[in-house]
Amino acid sequence: MRKLKLDELNRLSVSAYKSINKLPVTVVLDNIRSAHNVGAFFRTSDALAISKIVLCGITARPPHKEINKAAIGATETVFWEYHKHCHEYLETLDKSIYHIMAIEQTDHSVKLGNFDIRAYKDKHLVLVYGNEVEGVSDEAIALADESIEIEQYGTKHSFNVSVCAGISLWAITHQMRALAASD
């Protein structure tokens, strides 16, 4: 076994990536404090071919040195937009097209391991991730159709938000790709 070299990975060029079909998933960042975390969201969203990122509130926006450090170029490939208030953006979404999911621990959250994409195969998913201290805002939770919680087994009660994104986005997009392949 040997590690593959970069030229063996057959990665898309920026122009080729921009032209491929993206998954019907929008990532919404609700007041993320760390620009490094924002950069990690860009990098993960590029890797999984997410449609777009919506940056809200105090969330840092490109171009930004700290975002670029973690994103390593993904700010050039992932479409993004900014809105001052997360809840105002969510209020504009047509619920017949979009399914809003707060990635948050709530009294009605569904465990990520129990989430079944088949119920939403005709919807565009909107995944809302919250502030590193306060989580998803109460206003955004009130507009969510459901909340998804990542199971945890240790003494801590939360993951870093960018780790949470990696886990949840991979699990959800993996199900989306498997469902599309079976059709």
N, C-alpha and C. Protein backbone atom coordinates (compact mmCIF):
# COMPACT_ATOMS: atom_id res chain seq x y z
N MET A 1 0.84 -1.17 0.00
CA MET A 1 0.00 0.00 0.00
C MET A 1 0.89 1.23 0.00
N ARG A 2 0.43 2.26 -0.74
CA ARG A 2 1.13 3.54 -0.73
C ARG A 2 0.11 4.66 -0.85
N LYS A 3 0.47 5.80 -0.34
CA LYS A 3 -0.39 6.97 -0.44
C LYS A 3 -0.37 7.47 -1.88
N LEU A 4 -1.54 7.87 -2.39
CA LEU A 4 -1.62 8.39 -3.75
C LEU A 4 -1.03 9.79 -3.82
N LYS A 5 -0.42 10.10 -4.94
CA LYS A 5 0.10 11.44 -5.20
C LYS A 5 -1.06 12.31 -5.68
N LEU A 6 -0.93 13.61 -5.54
CA LEU A 6 -2.01 14.52 -5.92
C LEU A 6 -2.49 14.32 -7.36
N ASP A 7 -1.55 14.11 -8.28
CA ASP A 7 -1.95 13.94 -9.68
C ASP A 7 -2.65 12.61 -9.94
N GLU A 8 -2.61 11.71 -8.99
CA GLU A 8 -3.30 10.42 -9.13
C GLU A 8 -4.74 10.47 -8.59
N LEU A 9 -5.11 11.56 -7.95
CA LEU A 9 -6.43 11.67 -7.33
C LEU A 9 -7.53 12.04 -8.34
N ASN A 10 -7.13 12.49 -9.52
CA ASN A 10 -8.08 12.84 -10.58
C ASN A 10 -9.13 13.84 -10.12
N ARG A 11 -8.70 14.87 -9.44
CA ARG A 11 -9.60 15.91 -8.95
C ARG A 11 -10.04 16.80 -10.12
N LEU A 12 -11.23 17.34 -10.01
CA LEU A 12 -11.76 18.24 -11.02
C LEU A 12 -11.03 19.57 -10.98
N SER A 13 -10.96 20.24 -12.12
CA SER A 13 -10.47 21.61 -12.14
C SER A 13 -11.58 22.50 -11.59
N VAL A 14 -11.24 23.74 -11.26
CA VAL A 14 -12.24 24.68 -10.74
C VAL A 14 -13.36 24.86 -11.76
N SER A 15 -13.04 25.04 -13.01
CA SER A 15 -14.09 25.25 -14.03
C SER A 15 -14.94 23.99 -14.21
N ALA A 16 -14.33 22.82 -14.17
CA ALA A 16 -15.10 21.58 -14.29
C ALA A 16 -16.01 21.40 -13.08
N TYR A 17 -15.50 21.72 -11.89
CA TYR A 17 -16.31 21.59 -10.67
C TYR A 17 -17.53 22.52 -10.74
N LYS A 18 -17.31 23.74 -11.19
CA LYS A 18 -18.42 24.70 -11.25
C LYS A 18 -19.52 24.24 -12.20
N SER A 19 -19.18 23.39 -13.16
CA SER A 19 -20.17 22.97 -14.15
C SER A 19 -20.91 21.68 -13.78
N ILE A 20 -20.46 20.96 -12.75
CA ILE A 20 -21.14 19.71 -12.39
C ILE A 20 -22.43 20.00 -11.61
N ASN A 21 -23.35 19.05 -11.65
CA ASN A 21 -24.56 19.17 -10.84
C ASN A 21 -24.20 19.01 -9.38
N LYS A 22 -24.71 19.90 -8.56
CA LYS A 22 -24.48 19.84 -7.12
C LYS A 22 -25.69 19.16 -6.46
N LEU A 23 -25.47 18.66 -5.27
CA LEU A 23 -26.56 18.07 -4.52
C LEU A 23 -27.53 19.15 -4.05
N PRO A 24 -28.81 18.83 -3.94
CA PRO A 24 -29.79 19.82 -3.49
C PRO A 24 -29.71 20.02 -1.97
N VAL A 25 -28.60 20.60 -1.55
CA VAL A 25 -28.33 20.86 -0.14
C VAL A 25 -27.76 22.27 -0.02
N THR A 26 -28.35 23.03 0.89
CA THR A 26 -27.82 24.35 1.24
C THR A 26 -27.39 24.30 2.70
N VAL A 27 -26.20 24.80 2.97
CA VAL A 27 -25.67 24.89 4.32
C VAL A 27 -25.84 26.33 4.78
N VAL A 28 -26.46 26.51 5.94
CA VAL A 28 -26.66 27.84 6.51
C VAL A 28 -25.85 27.95 7.79
N LEU A 29 -25.02 28.98 7.87
CA LEU A 29 -24.19 29.22 9.05
C LEU A 29 -24.78 30.38 9.85
N ASP A 30 -25.31 30.05 11.01
CA ASP A 30 -26.02 30.99 11.87
C ASP A 30 -25.05 31.55 12.93
N ASN A 31 -24.42 32.67 12.60
CA ASN A 31 -23.53 33.37 13.54
C ASN A 31 -22.33 32.53 14.00
N ILE A 32 -21.62 31.95 13.05
CA ILE A 32 -20.40 31.19 13.37
C ILE A 32 -19.29 32.18 13.71
N ARG A 33 -18.67 32.01 14.87
CA ARG A 33 -17.66 32.97 15.35
C ARG A 33 -16.30 32.79 14.70
N SER A 34 -15.89 31.55 14.46
CA SER A 34 -14.53 31.28 14.00
C SER A 34 -14.45 31.23 12.48
N ALA A 35 -13.58 32.08 11.94
CA ALA A 35 -13.35 32.06 10.49
C ALA A 35 -12.72 30.74 10.05
N HIS A 36 -11.94 30.10 10.94
CA HIS A 36 -11.39 28.78 10.61
C HIS A 36 -12.52 27.77 10.41
N ASN A 37 -13.53 27.82 11.26
CA ASN A 37 -14.68 26.93 11.10
C ASN A 37 -15.40 27.22 9.79
N VAL A 38 -15.54 28.48 9.44
CA VAL A 38 -16.19 28.84 8.17
C VAL A 38 -15.40 28.24 7.00
N GLY A 39 -14.08 28.36 7.06
CA GLY A 39 -13.24 27.77 6.02
C GLY A 39 -13.42 26.27 5.92
N ALA A 40 -13.56 25.61 7.06
CA ALA A 40 -13.78 24.16 7.07
C ALA A 40 -15.12 23.83 6.41
N PHE A 41 -16.14 24.63 6.63
CA PHE A 41 -17.43 24.43 5.96
C PHE A 41 -17.28 24.53 4.44
N PHE A 42 -16.52 25.50 3.98
CA PHE A 42 -16.30 25.64 2.53
C PHE A 42 -15.61 24.40 1.98
N ARG A 43 -14.57 23.95 2.66
CA ARG A 43 -13.81 22.80 2.19
C ARG A 43 -14.67 21.53 2.17
N THR A 44 -15.45 21.31 3.21
CA THR A 44 -16.34 20.15 3.27
C THR A 44 -17.42 20.25 2.21
N SER A 45 -17.97 21.43 2.01
CA SER A 45 -19.02 21.62 1.01
C SER A 45 -18.50 21.39 -0.40
N ASP A 46 -17.28 21.79 -0.68
CA ASP A 46 -16.65 21.50 -1.97
C ASP A 46 -16.49 19.99 -2.14
N ALA A 47 -15.95 19.33 -1.13
CA ALA A 47 -15.68 17.89 -1.22
C ALA A 47 -16.94 17.08 -1.47
N LEU A 48 -18.08 17.55 -0.96
CA LEU A 48 -19.34 16.81 -1.08
C LEU A 48 -20.27 17.36 -2.15
N ALA A 49 -19.83 18.38 -2.90
CA ALA A 49 -20.62 19.00 -3.98
C ALA A 49 -21.96 19.53 -3.48
N ILE A 50 -21.87 20.36 -2.44
CA ILE A 50 -23.04 21.02 -1.86
C ILE A 50 -23.41 22.22 -2.74
N SER A 51 -24.70 22.50 -2.90
CA SER A 51 -25.16 23.58 -3.77
C SER A 51 -24.65 24.96 -3.37
N LYS A 52 -24.82 25.30 -2.08
CA LYS A 52 -24.35 26.62 -1.66
C LYS A 52 -24.28 26.71 -0.15
N ILE A 53 -23.58 27.74 0.29
CA ILE A 53 -23.47 28.09 1.70
C ILE A 53 -24.09 29.47 1.86
N VAL A 54 -24.90 29.62 2.91
CA VAL A 54 -25.47 30.92 3.26
C VAL A 54 -24.84 31.35 4.58
N LEU A 55 -24.14 32.46 4.55
CA LEU A 55 -23.45 33.00 5.72
C LEU A 55 -24.35 34.05 6.35
N CYS A 56 -24.60 33.95 7.66
CA CYS A 56 -25.53 34.86 8.33
C CYS A 56 -24.90 35.51 9.55
N GLY A 57 -25.35 36.73 9.81
CA GLY A 57 -24.97 37.44 11.03
C GLY A 57 -23.50 37.74 11.10
N ILE A 58 -22.86 37.37 12.21
CA ILE A 58 -21.45 37.69 12.44
C ILE A 58 -20.50 36.75 11.70
N THR A 59 -21.03 35.77 10.99
CA THR A 59 -20.20 34.80 10.28
C THR A 59 -19.27 35.53 9.31
N ALA A 60 -17.99 35.23 9.37
CA ALA A 60 -17.01 35.86 8.47
C ALA A 60 -17.30 35.48 7.03
N ARG A 61 -16.94 36.39 6.11
CA ARG A 61 -17.17 36.17 4.68
C ARG A 61 -15.86 36.29 3.92
N PRO A 62 -15.77 35.52 2.82
CA PRO A 62 -14.61 35.67 1.94
C PRO A 62 -14.62 37.04 1.28
N PRO A 63 -13.49 37.56 0.89
CA PRO A 63 -12.16 37.01 1.13
C PRO A 63 -11.73 37.30 2.57
N HIS A 64 -11.14 36.32 3.20
CA HIS A 64 -10.72 36.43 4.60
C HIS A 64 -9.55 35.47 4.81
N LYS A 65 -8.47 35.98 5.36
CA LYS A 65 -7.25 35.19 5.54
C LYS A 65 -7.50 33.90 6.32
N GLU A 66 -8.24 33.97 7.41
CA GLU A 66 -8.48 32.80 8.26
C GLU A 66 -9.39 31.79 7.56
N ILE A 67 -10.37 32.26 6.79
CA ILE A 67 -11.22 31.35 6.02
C ILE A 67 -10.37 30.62 4.99
N ASN A 68 -9.56 31.38 4.27
CA ASN A 68 -8.73 30.81 3.21
C ASN A 68 -7.77 29.75 3.73
N LYS A 69 -7.28 29.95 4.95
CA LYS A 69 -6.33 29.00 5.54
C LYS A 69 -6.94 27.60 5.63
N ALA A 70 -8.21 27.51 6.03
CA ALA A 70 -8.88 26.21 6.17
C ALA A 70 -9.54 25.76 4.86
N ALA A 71 -10.01 26.72 4.07
CA ALA A 71 -10.77 26.38 2.85
C ALA A 71 -9.86 25.91 1.71
N ILE A 72 -8.62 26.28 1.74
CA ILE A 72 -7.63 25.98 0.68
C ILE A 72 -8.21 26.05 -0.74
N GLY A 73 -8.86 27.18 -1.02
CA GLY A 73 -9.36 27.41 -2.37
C GLY A 73 -10.83 27.14 -2.57
N ALA A 74 -11.50 26.53 -1.61
CA ALA A 74 -12.91 26.17 -1.80
C ALA A 74 -13.84 27.39 -1.85
N THR A 75 -13.37 28.55 -1.41
CA THR A 75 -14.20 29.75 -1.55
C THR A 75 -14.35 30.14 -3.01
N GLU A 76 -13.49 29.61 -3.87
CA GLU A 76 -13.57 29.88 -5.31
C GLU A 76 -14.49 28.89 -6.03
N THR A 77 -14.85 27.80 -5.37
CA THR A 77 -15.67 26.78 -6.04
C THR A 77 -17.08 26.69 -5.48
N VAL A 78 -17.26 26.96 -4.22
CA VAL A 78 -18.58 26.83 -3.59
C VAL A 78 -19.31 28.16 -3.66
N PHE A 79 -20.52 28.12 -4.23
CA PHE A 79 -21.34 29.34 -4.29
C PHE A 79 -21.75 29.72 -2.87
N TRP A 80 -21.71 31.01 -2.57
CA TRP A 80 -22.13 31.47 -1.25
C TRP A 80 -22.82 32.81 -1.36
N GLU A 81 -23.62 33.10 -0.34
CA GLU A 81 -24.27 34.41 -0.23
C GLU A 81 -24.36 34.78 1.24
N TYR A 82 -24.61 36.06 1.50
CA TYR A 82 -24.69 36.56 2.87
C TYR A 82 -26.06 37.14 3.15
N HIS A 83 -26.56 36.88 4.36
CA HIS A 83 -27.79 37.49 4.86
C HIS A 83 -27.54 37.94 6.29
N LYS A 84 -28.03 39.11 6.63
CA LYS A 84 -27.79 39.66 7.96
C LYS A 84 -28.40 38.80 9.06
N HIS A 85 -29.62 38.27 8.81
CA HIS A 85 -30.31 37.48 9.84
C HIS A 85 -30.69 36.11 9.27
N CYS A 86 -30.30 35.08 9.98
CA CYS A 86 -30.59 33.71 9.55
C CYS A 86 -32.09 33.48 9.42
N HIS A 87 -32.85 33.88 10.42
CA HIS A 87 -34.28 33.61 10.39
C HIS A 87 -34.97 34.34 9.22
N GLU A 88 -34.49 35.51 8.87
CA GLU A 88 -35.09 36.22 7.73
C GLU A 88 -34.82 35.48 6.42
N TYR A 89 -33.63 34.91 6.28
CA TYR A 89 -33.34 34.10 5.10
C TYR A 89 -34.26 32.88 5.07
N LEU A 90 -34.36 32.17 6.19
CA LEU A 90 -35.17 30.96 6.25
C LEU A 90 -36.65 31.25 5.94
N GLU A 91 -37.12 32.41 6.35
CA GLU A 91 -38.52 32.80 6.09
C GLU A 91 -38.81 32.96 4.60
N THR A 92 -37.79 33.17 3.79
CA THR A 92 -38.00 33.35 2.34
C THR A 92 -38.15 32.03 1.60
N LEU A 93 -37.85 30.92 2.26
CA LEU A 93 -37.84 29.63 1.59
C LEU A 93 -39.24 29.05 1.46
N ASP A 94 -39.55 28.55 0.29
CA ASP A 94 -40.83 27.91 0.01
C ASP A 94 -40.81 26.50 0.59
N LYS A 95 -41.66 26.25 1.59
CA LYS A 95 -41.65 24.96 2.29
C LYS A 95 -42.08 23.80 1.39
N SER A 96 -42.68 24.09 0.24
CA SER A 96 -43.04 23.00 -0.67
C SER A 96 -41.80 22.50 -1.43
N ILE A 97 -40.74 23.30 -1.42
CA ILE A 97 -39.50 22.95 -2.12
C ILE A 97 -38.39 22.61 -1.14
N TYR A 98 -38.31 23.36 -0.05
CA TYR A 98 -37.21 23.24 0.90
C TYR A 98 -37.64 22.55 2.20
N HIS A 99 -36.73 21.75 2.74
CA HIS A 99 -36.93 21.11 4.05
C HIS A 99 -35.81 21.61 4.95
N ILE A 100 -36.16 22.37 5.98
CA ILE A 100 -35.18 23.02 6.86
C ILE A 100 -34.89 22.11 8.05
N MET A 101 -33.60 21.83 8.24
CA MET A 101 -33.17 20.97 9.34
C MET A 101 -32.13 21.70 10.18
N ALA A 102 -32.45 21.94 11.46
CA ALA A 102 -31.47 22.49 12.38
C ALA A 102 -30.59 21.33 12.85
N ILE A 103 -29.31 21.48 12.75
CA ILE A 103 -28.39 20.46 13.27
C ILE A 103 -28.12 20.88 14.71
N GLU A 104 -28.97 20.34 15.58
CA GLU A 104 -29.01 20.82 16.96
C GLU A 104 -29.68 19.79 17.85
N GLN A 105 -29.33 19.82 19.12
CA GLN A 105 -29.98 18.97 20.12
C GLN A 105 -31.23 19.69 20.61
N THR A 106 -32.39 19.11 20.34
CA THR A 106 -33.65 19.70 20.80
C THR A 106 -34.50 18.61 21.45
N ASP A 107 -35.62 19.00 22.01
CA ASP A 107 -36.49 18.02 22.65
C ASP A 107 -37.20 17.12 21.64
N HIS A 108 -37.07 17.41 20.34
CA HIS A 108 -37.68 16.58 19.30
C HIS A 108 -36.67 16.16 18.23
N SER A 109 -35.39 16.21 18.55
CA SER A 109 -34.39 15.90 17.51
C SER A 109 -34.39 14.43 17.14
N VAL A 110 -34.08 14.19 15.87
CA VAL A 110 -33.94 12.85 15.32
C VAL A 110 -32.45 12.53 15.35
N LYS A 111 -32.11 11.35 15.82
CA LYS A 111 -30.70 10.94 15.83
C LYS A 111 -30.24 10.78 14.38
N LEU A 112 -29.05 11.27 14.07
CA LEU A 112 -28.52 11.18 12.71
C LEU A 112 -28.54 9.75 12.20
N GLY A 113 -28.24 8.78 13.06
CA GLY A 113 -28.25 7.38 12.67
C GLY A 113 -29.63 6.87 12.28
N ASN A 114 -30.68 7.56 12.71
CA ASN A 114 -32.05 7.17 12.38
C ASN A 114 -32.65 8.01 11.25
N PHE A 115 -31.93 9.01 10.78
CA PHE A 115 -32.44 9.87 9.72
C PHE A 115 -32.52 9.09 8.41
N ASP A 116 -33.66 9.19 7.74
CA ASP A 116 -33.88 8.47 6.49
C ASP A 116 -34.20 9.47 5.38
N ILE A 117 -33.30 9.60 4.44
CA ILE A 117 -33.42 10.57 3.36
C ILE A 117 -34.61 10.30 2.44
N ARG A 118 -35.08 9.08 2.40
CA ARG A 118 -36.15 8.74 1.45
C ARG A 118 -37.39 9.61 1.61
N ALA A 119 -37.67 10.07 2.81
CA ALA A 119 -38.84 10.93 3.03
C ALA A 119 -38.68 12.30 2.38
N TYR A 120 -37.46 12.65 2.00
CA TYR A 120 -37.18 13.99 1.48
C TYR A 120 -36.55 13.97 0.10
N LYS A 121 -36.72 12.89 -0.63
CA LYS A 121 -36.01 12.73 -1.90
C LYS A 121 -36.40 13.78 -2.93
N ASP A 122 -37.55 14.42 -2.79
CA ASP A 122 -37.98 15.45 -3.73
C ASP A 122 -37.81 16.86 -3.17
N LYS A 123 -37.08 16.99 -2.08
CA LYS A 123 -36.89 18.29 -1.43
C LYS A 123 -35.42 18.74 -1.53
N HIS A 124 -35.24 20.03 -1.45
CA HIS A 124 -33.91 20.62 -1.31
C HIS A 124 -33.69 20.77 0.20
N LEU A 125 -32.66 20.15 0.73
CA LEU A 125 -32.40 20.20 2.16
C LEU A 125 -31.63 21.47 2.52
N VAL A 126 -32.04 22.08 3.62
CA VAL A 126 -31.36 23.26 4.16
C VAL A 126 -30.91 22.89 5.56
N LEU A 127 -29.61 22.78 5.75
CA LEU A 127 -29.05 22.38 7.04
C LEU A 127 -28.48 23.60 7.75
N VAL A 128 -29.02 23.89 8.93
CA VAL A 128 -28.63 25.09 9.68
C VAL A 128 -27.69 24.68 10.81
N TYR A 129 -26.51 25.30 10.83
CA TYR A 129 -25.50 25.06 11.86
C TYR A 129 -25.33 26.34 12.67
N GLY A 130 -25.21 26.19 14.00
CA GLY A 130 -25.21 27.36 14.87
C GLY A 130 -23.88 27.75 15.47
N ASN A 131 -23.95 28.84 16.16
CA ASN A 131 -22.84 29.45 16.86
C ASN A 131 -22.15 28.45 17.79
N GLU A 132 -20.83 28.58 17.90
CA GLU A 132 -20.02 27.65 18.68
C GLU A 132 -20.38 27.61 20.16
N VAL A 133 -20.99 28.66 20.69
CA VAL A 133 -21.36 28.70 22.11
C VAL A 133 -22.87 28.51 22.28
N GLU A 134 -23.65 29.25 21.52
CA GLU A 134 -25.11 29.28 21.68
C GLU A 134 -25.85 28.27 20.82
N GLY A 135 -25.20 27.70 19.82
CA GLY A 135 -25.88 26.77 18.92
C GLY A 135 -26.75 27.50 17.91
N VAL A 136 -27.69 26.78 17.32
CA VAL A 136 -28.63 27.37 16.35
C VAL A 136 -29.56 28.29 17.13
N SER A 137 -29.81 29.47 16.59
CA SER A 137 -30.65 30.45 17.28
C SER A 137 -32.08 29.93 17.44
N ASP A 138 -32.74 30.40 18.50
CA ASP A 138 -34.14 30.01 18.74
C ASP A 138 -35.03 30.41 17.57
N GLU A 139 -34.75 31.55 16.94
CA GLU A 139 -35.55 32.00 15.80
C GLU A 139 -35.42 31.03 14.63
N ALA A 140 -34.21 30.53 14.40
CA ALA A 140 -34.00 29.56 13.32
C ALA A 140 -34.63 28.21 13.65
N ILE A 141 -34.52 27.78 14.90
CA ILE A 141 -35.13 26.51 15.31
C ILE A 141 -36.65 26.58 15.12
N ALA A 142 -37.24 27.71 15.41
CA ALA A 142 -38.69 27.85 15.26
C ALA A 142 -39.13 27.70 13.81
N LEU A 143 -38.23 27.96 12.86
CA LEU A 143 -38.56 27.85 11.43
C LEU A 143 -38.16 26.50 10.84
N ALA A 144 -37.47 25.68 11.61
CA ALA A 144 -37.01 24.39 11.11
C ALA A 144 -38.15 23.38 11.08
N ASP A 145 -38.10 22.51 10.08
CA ASP A 145 -39.07 21.42 9.98
C ASP A 145 -38.72 20.29 10.94
N GLU A 146 -37.45 20.15 11.23
CA GLU A 146 -36.99 19.14 12.19
C GLU A 146 -35.57 19.48 12.61
N SER A 147 -35.11 18.77 13.64
CA SER A 147 -33.71 18.92 14.05
C SER A 147 -33.05 17.55 14.04
N ILE A 148 -31.79 17.56 13.71
CA ILE A 148 -30.98 16.35 13.65
C ILE A 148 -29.90 16.46 14.71
N GLU A 149 -29.70 15.38 15.44
CA GLU A 149 -28.70 15.34 16.51
C GLU A 149 -27.72 14.20 16.23
N ILE A 150 -26.45 14.48 16.37
CA ILE A 150 -25.42 13.44 16.22
C ILE A 150 -25.25 12.74 17.56
N GLU A 151 -25.37 11.43 17.55
CA GLU A 151 -25.22 10.66 18.77
C GLU A 151 -23.82 10.84 19.34
N GLN A 152 -23.75 10.96 20.65
CA GLN A 152 -22.46 11.12 21.34
C GLN A 152 -22.45 10.21 22.56
N TYR A 153 -21.27 9.72 22.91
CA TYR A 153 -21.19 8.70 23.94
C TYR A 153 -20.21 9.03 25.07
N GLY A 154 -19.62 10.20 25.04
CA GLY A 154 -18.65 10.57 26.06
C GLY A 154 -19.20 11.56 27.05
N THR A 155 -18.31 12.30 27.68
CA THR A 155 -18.71 13.27 28.70
C THR A 155 -19.06 14.63 28.13
N LYS A 156 -18.64 14.93 26.94
CA LYS A 156 -18.94 16.23 26.33
C LYS A 156 -20.30 16.14 25.64
N HIS A 157 -20.97 17.27 25.52
CA HIS A 157 -22.30 17.27 24.94
C HIS A 157 -22.38 17.98 23.59
N SER A 158 -21.21 18.21 22.98
CA SER A 158 -21.24 18.80 21.64
C SER A 158 -19.93 18.53 20.92
N PHE A 159 -20.01 18.58 19.58
CA PHE A 159 -18.83 18.53 18.73
C PHE A 159 -18.49 19.95 18.32
N ASN A 160 -17.25 20.18 17.92
CA ASN A 160 -16.92 21.43 17.25
C ASN A 160 -17.83 21.53 16.03
N VAL A 161 -18.30 22.72 15.70
CA VAL A 161 -19.28 22.89 14.63
C VAL A 161 -18.76 22.40 13.28
N SER A 162 -17.47 22.55 13.00
CA SER A 162 -16.96 22.07 11.72
C SER A 162 -16.86 20.54 11.70
N VAL A 163 -16.59 19.93 12.84
CA VAL A 163 -16.61 18.47 12.94
C VAL A 163 -18.04 17.98 12.76
N CYS A 164 -18.97 18.66 13.40
CA CYS A 164 -20.40 18.34 13.26
C CYS A 164 -20.80 18.40 11.79
N ALA A 165 -20.32 19.40 11.08
CA ALA A 165 -20.63 19.52 9.65
C ALA A 165 -20.08 18.34 8.87
N GLY A 166 -18.84 17.97 9.13
CA GLY A 166 -18.25 16.84 8.42
C GLY A 166 -19.04 15.56 8.62
N ILE A 167 -19.40 15.29 9.86
CA ILE A 167 -20.15 14.07 10.18
C ILE A 167 -21.53 14.10 9.54
N SER A 168 -22.28 15.16 9.78
CA SER A 168 -23.68 15.21 9.32
C SER A 168 -23.79 15.35 7.81
N LEU A 169 -22.98 16.19 7.20
CA LEU A 169 -23.06 16.37 5.75
C LEU A 169 -22.64 15.10 5.02
N TRP A 170 -21.60 14.42 5.51
CA TRP A 170 -21.21 13.18 4.85
C TRP A 170 -22.33 12.15 4.97
N ALA A 171 -22.89 11.98 6.15
CA ALA A 171 -23.93 10.96 6.36
C ALA A 171 -25.16 11.25 5.49
N ILE A 172 -25.58 12.49 5.44
CA ILE A 172 -26.78 12.85 4.67
C ILE A 172 -26.52 12.75 3.18
N THR A 173 -25.39 13.28 2.71
CA THR A 173 -25.11 13.22 1.27
C THR A 173 -24.80 11.80 0.82
N HIS A 174 -24.25 10.99 1.69
CA HIS A 174 -24.01 9.58 1.37
C HIS A 174 -25.36 8.89 1.10
N GLN A 175 -26.34 9.16 1.95
CA GLN A 175 -27.67 8.61 1.73
C GLN A 175 -28.28 9.13 0.43
N MET A 176 -28.09 10.41 0.14
CA MET A 176 -28.64 11.00 -1.09
C MET A 176 -28.05 10.32 -2.32
N ARG A 177 -26.74 10.11 -2.30
CA ARG A 177 -26.08 9.47 -3.45
C ARG A 177 -26.51 8.01 -3.60
N ALA A 178 -26.65 7.31 -2.50
CA ALA A 178 -27.08 5.91 -2.54
C ALA A 178 -28.51 5.82 -3.07
N LEU A 179 -29.38 6.72 -2.65
CA LEU A 179 -30.77 6.73 -3.12
C LEU A 179 -30.81 7.04 -4.63
N ALA A 180 -30.02 8.00 -5.08
CA ALA A 180 -29.99 8.35 -6.50
C ALA A 180 -29.46 7.19 -7.33
N ALA A 181 -28.48 6.47 -6.81
CA ALA A 181 -27.91 5.34 -7.55
C ALA A 181 -28.89 4.18 -7.66
N SER A 182 -29.82 4.06 -6.70
CA SER A 182 -30.78 2.97 -6.72
C SER A 182 -31.99 3.25 -7.61
N ASP A 183 -32.17 4.51 -7.98
CA ASP A 183 -33.33 4.88 -8.83
C ASP A 183 -33.13 4.47 -10.27
